[in-house]
N, C-alpha and C. Protein backbone atom coordinates (compact mmCIF):
# COMPACT_ATOMS: atom_id res chain seq x y z
N MET A 1 -16.27 8.11 -18.94
CA MET A 1 -16.03 7.90 -17.56
C MET A 1 -15.05 6.75 -17.45
N LYS A 2 -14.02 6.92 -16.67
CA LYS A 2 -13.06 5.79 -16.53
C LYS A 2 -13.55 4.88 -15.37
N ILE A 3 -14.12 3.76 -15.72
CA ILE A 3 -14.43 2.75 -14.71
C ILE A 3 -13.30 1.86 -14.56
N GLU A 4 -12.77 1.41 -13.49
CA GLU A 4 -11.84 0.51 -13.24
C GLU A 4 -12.22 -0.67 -12.57
N ARG A 5 -11.72 -1.96 -12.98
CA ARG A 5 -12.17 -3.23 -12.40
C ARG A 5 -11.02 -3.74 -11.53
N VAL A 6 -11.30 -4.28 -10.35
CA VAL A 6 -10.39 -4.91 -9.49
C VAL A 6 -10.77 -6.56 -9.65
N GLU A 7 -9.88 -7.32 -10.01
CA GLU A 7 -10.24 -8.67 -10.11
C GLU A 7 -10.24 -9.26 -8.64
N GLY A 8 -11.16 -10.18 -8.36
CA GLY A 8 -11.10 -10.97 -7.17
C GLY A 8 -11.73 -12.41 -7.35
N SER A 9 -11.25 -13.16 -6.35
CA SER A 9 -11.93 -14.55 -6.38
C SER A 9 -13.31 -14.65 -6.06
N LYS A 10 -13.96 -13.76 -5.32
CA LYS A 10 -15.24 -13.65 -4.87
C LYS A 10 -16.08 -12.78 -5.80
N LYS A 11 -16.99 -13.46 -6.67
CA LYS A 11 -17.66 -12.85 -7.73
C LYS A 11 -19.24 -12.89 -7.43
N ASP A 12 -19.62 -13.42 -6.16
CA ASP A 12 -21.10 -13.69 -5.82
C ASP A 12 -21.86 -12.38 -6.03
N HIS A 13 -21.28 -11.29 -5.67
CA HIS A 13 -22.16 -10.08 -5.79
C HIS A 13 -21.51 -9.08 -6.75
N LYS A 14 -22.38 -8.22 -7.35
CA LYS A 14 -21.98 -7.11 -8.20
C LYS A 14 -21.58 -5.97 -7.29
N VAL A 15 -20.56 -5.39 -7.33
CA VAL A 15 -20.08 -4.28 -6.28
C VAL A 15 -19.46 -3.17 -7.09
N PHE A 16 -20.06 -2.03 -7.00
CA PHE A 16 -19.50 -0.81 -7.64
C PHE A 16 -19.40 0.27 -6.58
N VAL A 17 -18.20 0.94 -6.71
CA VAL A 17 -17.79 2.04 -5.65
C VAL A 17 -17.69 3.43 -6.36
N TYR A 18 -18.54 4.45 -5.93
CA TYR A 18 -18.21 5.76 -6.31
C TYR A 18 -17.17 6.14 -5.31
N ALA A 19 -16.09 6.66 -5.64
CA ALA A 19 -14.95 7.04 -4.74
C ALA A 19 -14.49 8.42 -5.29
N LEU A 20 -13.62 8.95 -4.35
CA LEU A 20 -12.69 10.23 -4.58
C LEU A 20 -11.35 9.71 -4.51
N SER A 21 -10.37 10.04 -5.39
CA SER A 21 -9.03 9.68 -5.34
C SER A 21 -8.29 10.20 -4.13
N THR A 22 -8.70 11.27 -3.66
CA THR A 22 -8.01 11.83 -2.32
C THR A 22 -8.71 11.53 -1.09
N CYS A 23 -9.65 10.71 -1.10
CA CYS A 23 -10.37 10.18 0.15
C CYS A 23 -9.90 8.99 0.80
N GLY A 24 -9.48 9.34 2.17
CA GLY A 24 -8.84 8.15 2.92
C GLY A 24 -9.93 7.11 3.04
N TRP A 25 -11.16 7.37 3.34
CA TRP A 25 -12.22 6.30 3.65
C TRP A 25 -12.46 5.51 2.21
N CYS A 26 -12.49 6.24 1.11
CA CYS A 26 -12.47 5.59 -0.13
C CYS A 26 -11.31 4.58 -0.41
N ALA A 27 -10.11 5.08 -0.04
CA ALA A 27 -8.98 4.10 -0.14
C ALA A 27 -9.20 2.96 0.72
N GLN A 28 -9.53 3.29 1.99
CA GLN A 28 -9.85 2.12 2.96
C GLN A 28 -10.95 1.02 2.43
N THR A 29 -12.00 1.51 1.83
CA THR A 29 -13.00 0.82 1.22
C THR A 29 -12.44 -0.13 0.16
N LYS A 30 -11.66 0.42 -0.73
CA LYS A 30 -11.13 -0.22 -1.95
C LYS A 30 -10.08 -1.39 -1.45
N LYS A 31 -9.38 -0.95 -0.34
CA LYS A 31 -8.34 -1.86 0.14
C LYS A 31 -9.08 -3.05 0.93
N PHE A 32 -10.08 -2.75 1.65
CA PHE A 32 -10.87 -3.83 2.23
C PHE A 32 -11.50 -4.82 1.31
N LEU A 33 -12.05 -4.35 0.13
CA LEU A 33 -12.77 -5.20 -0.81
C LEU A 33 -11.64 -6.12 -1.48
N LYS A 34 -10.48 -5.40 -1.90
CA LYS A 34 -9.43 -6.06 -2.45
C LYS A 34 -8.81 -7.19 -1.62
N ASN A 35 -8.53 -6.92 -0.38
CA ASN A 35 -7.99 -7.70 0.59
C ASN A 35 -9.02 -8.92 0.97
N SER A 36 -10.26 -8.71 0.79
CA SER A 36 -11.17 -9.70 1.06
C SER A 36 -11.47 -10.54 -0.06
N GLY A 37 -10.79 -10.25 -1.26
CA GLY A 37 -11.03 -11.03 -2.53
C GLY A 37 -12.21 -10.69 -3.29
N ILE A 38 -12.87 -9.72 -2.96
CA ILE A 38 -14.16 -9.25 -3.66
C ILE A 38 -13.67 -8.60 -4.95
N GLU A 39 -14.30 -9.07 -6.02
CA GLU A 39 -14.26 -8.36 -7.36
C GLU A 39 -15.19 -7.07 -7.36
N PHE A 40 -14.57 -6.07 -7.80
CA PHE A 40 -15.53 -4.84 -7.80
C PHE A 40 -14.96 -3.87 -8.87
N GLU A 41 -15.99 -2.90 -9.14
CA GLU A 41 -15.62 -1.92 -10.01
C GLU A 41 -15.60 -0.60 -9.41
N PHE A 42 -14.93 0.41 -9.79
CA PHE A 42 -15.00 1.75 -9.05
C PHE A 42 -14.72 2.94 -10.03
N VAL A 43 -15.21 3.98 -9.67
CA VAL A 43 -14.87 5.28 -10.53
C VAL A 43 -14.61 6.23 -9.50
N ASP A 44 -13.33 7.04 -9.68
CA ASP A 44 -12.95 7.96 -8.95
C ASP A 44 -13.60 9.36 -9.45
N VAL A 45 -14.62 9.61 -8.75
CA VAL A 45 -15.58 10.88 -9.35
C VAL A 45 -14.71 12.17 -9.56
N ASP A 46 -13.74 12.42 -8.76
CA ASP A 46 -13.03 13.64 -8.94
C ASP A 46 -12.12 13.68 -10.15
N ARG A 47 -12.02 12.54 -10.80
CA ARG A 47 -11.14 12.48 -11.97
C ARG A 47 -12.00 12.41 -13.27
N CYS A 48 -13.34 12.59 -13.14
CA CYS A 48 -14.26 12.53 -14.26
C CYS A 48 -14.24 13.90 -14.86
N ASN A 49 -14.68 14.12 -16.25
CA ASN A 49 -14.79 15.32 -16.85
C ASN A 49 -16.14 15.82 -16.43
N LYS A 50 -16.48 17.22 -16.76
CA LYS A 50 -17.76 17.68 -16.29
C LYS A 50 -19.02 16.96 -16.74
N GLN A 51 -19.06 16.43 -17.88
CA GLN A 51 -20.30 15.67 -18.45
C GLN A 51 -20.43 14.42 -17.54
N ASP A 52 -19.51 13.73 -17.40
CA ASP A 52 -19.56 12.41 -16.58
C ASP A 52 -19.86 12.74 -15.25
N LEU A 53 -19.38 13.87 -14.56
CA LEU A 53 -19.63 14.23 -13.28
C LEU A 53 -21.16 14.58 -13.07
N GLU A 54 -21.66 15.22 -14.11
CA GLU A 54 -23.21 15.47 -13.97
C GLU A 54 -24.03 14.13 -14.13
N LYS A 55 -23.60 13.29 -14.95
CA LYS A 55 -24.17 12.03 -15.03
C LYS A 55 -24.20 11.30 -13.75
N ILE A 56 -23.02 11.25 -13.04
CA ILE A 56 -22.83 10.50 -11.81
C ILE A 56 -23.73 11.14 -10.65
N LYS A 57 -23.75 12.51 -10.79
CA LYS A 57 -24.55 13.23 -9.79
C LYS A 57 -25.97 12.91 -9.99
N GLN A 58 -26.53 12.67 -11.07
CA GLN A 58 -27.89 12.35 -11.38
C GLN A 58 -28.10 10.85 -10.94
N GLU A 59 -27.19 10.01 -11.17
CA GLU A 59 -27.36 8.61 -10.91
C GLU A 59 -27.45 8.55 -9.12
N ILE A 60 -26.49 9.28 -8.54
CA ILE A 60 -26.61 9.13 -7.24
C ILE A 60 -27.78 9.75 -6.56
N THR A 61 -28.24 10.87 -7.11
CA THR A 61 -29.45 11.48 -6.50
C THR A 61 -30.72 10.73 -6.75
N ALA A 62 -30.66 10.11 -7.94
CA ALA A 62 -31.89 9.10 -8.43
C ALA A 62 -32.01 7.90 -7.47
N MET A 63 -30.85 7.53 -6.74
CA MET A 63 -30.94 6.45 -5.75
C MET A 63 -31.27 7.11 -4.37
N ASP A 64 -31.58 8.37 -4.35
CA ASP A 64 -31.92 8.91 -3.18
C ASP A 64 -30.77 8.93 -2.16
N ARG A 65 -29.77 9.05 -2.53
CA ARG A 65 -28.33 9.04 -1.71
C ARG A 65 -27.79 10.54 -1.67
N PRO A 66 -27.09 10.85 -0.57
CA PRO A 66 -26.42 12.08 -0.56
C PRO A 66 -25.11 11.95 -1.40
N LEU A 67 -24.52 13.02 -1.85
CA LEU A 67 -23.13 13.12 -2.54
C LEU A 67 -22.25 12.98 -1.47
N SER A 68 -22.13 11.69 -0.89
CA SER A 68 -21.07 11.43 -0.04
C SER A 68 -20.43 10.19 -0.56
N PHE A 69 -18.94 10.17 -0.05
CA PHE A 69 -18.04 9.18 -0.62
C PHE A 69 -17.37 8.56 0.54
N PRO A 70 -17.03 7.07 0.30
CA PRO A 70 -17.37 6.32 -0.75
C PRO A 70 -18.89 5.95 -0.74
N LEU A 71 -19.42 5.64 -1.86
CA LEU A 71 -20.80 5.07 -1.99
C LEU A 71 -20.70 3.73 -2.64
N ILE A 72 -20.99 2.69 -1.89
CA ILE A 72 -20.93 1.32 -2.28
C ILE A 72 -22.26 0.76 -2.86
N ILE A 73 -22.39 0.39 -4.01
CA ILE A 73 -23.59 -0.20 -4.57
C ILE A 73 -23.32 -1.66 -4.80
N ILE A 74 -24.30 -2.46 -4.05
CA ILE A 74 -24.18 -3.98 -4.11
C ILE A 74 -25.40 -4.51 -4.86
N ASP A 75 -25.12 -5.41 -5.73
CA ASP A 75 -26.11 -6.07 -6.56
C ASP A 75 -27.17 -5.10 -7.13
N ASN A 76 -26.67 -4.10 -8.03
CA ASN A 76 -27.48 -3.25 -8.70
C ASN A 76 -28.42 -2.35 -7.79
N GLY A 77 -27.96 -2.15 -6.70
CA GLY A 77 -28.68 -1.20 -5.89
C GLY A 77 -29.58 -1.91 -4.78
N SER A 78 -29.47 -3.26 -4.53
CA SER A 78 -30.24 -3.78 -3.55
C SER A 78 -29.63 -3.46 -2.11
N VAL A 79 -28.40 -3.14 -2.08
CA VAL A 79 -27.67 -2.57 -0.99
C VAL A 79 -26.97 -1.55 -1.32
N LYS A 80 -27.17 -0.33 -0.50
CA LYS A 80 -26.42 0.88 -0.71
C LYS A 80 -25.63 1.35 0.56
N ILE A 81 -24.43 1.47 0.64
CA ILE A 81 -23.79 1.83 1.73
C ILE A 81 -22.93 3.06 1.61
N THR A 82 -23.12 3.99 2.37
CA THR A 82 -22.37 5.39 2.30
C THR A 82 -21.51 5.46 3.38
N GLY A 83 -20.09 5.69 3.02
CA GLY A 83 -19.11 5.62 3.86
C GLY A 83 -18.41 4.29 4.12
N PHE A 84 -17.19 4.25 4.81
CA PHE A 84 -16.63 2.91 4.97
C PHE A 84 -17.10 2.42 6.23
N ARG A 85 -18.01 1.43 6.01
CA ARG A 85 -18.76 0.70 7.14
C ARG A 85 -18.38 -0.78 7.10
N GLU A 86 -17.18 -1.26 7.68
CA GLU A 86 -16.78 -2.55 7.47
C GLU A 86 -17.76 -3.60 8.02
N ASP A 87 -18.38 -3.49 8.90
CA ASP A 87 -19.45 -4.43 9.58
C ASP A 87 -20.46 -4.57 8.58
N GLU A 88 -20.94 -3.46 7.90
CA GLU A 88 -22.17 -3.51 6.89
C GLU A 88 -21.60 -4.24 5.70
N LEU A 89 -20.43 -3.90 5.26
CA LEU A 89 -19.87 -4.51 4.05
C LEU A 89 -19.80 -6.08 4.16
N LYS A 90 -19.25 -6.46 5.31
CA LYS A 90 -19.16 -7.77 5.76
C LYS A 90 -20.47 -8.54 5.63
N LYS A 91 -21.47 -7.99 6.17
CA LYS A 91 -22.78 -8.58 6.31
C LYS A 91 -23.43 -8.57 4.97
N ALA A 92 -23.33 -7.55 4.07
CA ALA A 92 -23.97 -7.38 2.77
C ALA A 92 -23.22 -8.40 1.78
N LEU A 93 -21.94 -8.79 2.01
CA LEU A 93 -21.10 -9.58 1.19
C LEU A 93 -20.92 -10.97 1.61
N GLY A 94 -21.54 -11.20 2.82
CA GLY A 94 -21.47 -12.52 3.40
C GLY A 94 -20.05 -12.92 3.88
N LEU A 95 -19.33 -11.89 4.30
CA LEU A 95 -17.99 -12.38 4.90
C LEU A 95 -18.01 -12.61 6.32
């Protein structure tokens, strides 16, 4: 699985994004995080091989979340946000 890291000056929270490479809301989420200086990691789920895709599906369902994207996981799951929700992201990340 190809996990990409986007460097940022704000490293207070561990942020991971499950995204789709073709999803406009996923692109908005990544752009918002980057423009806000948040360091984060992401995986474009649609670019994963079949084995990694199954692993990701299991991870997401184990978190009791729907398979909807983007899915933003903050601080190892203490906050989970489905979809691009700028207000929720700002609150969770202290922006």
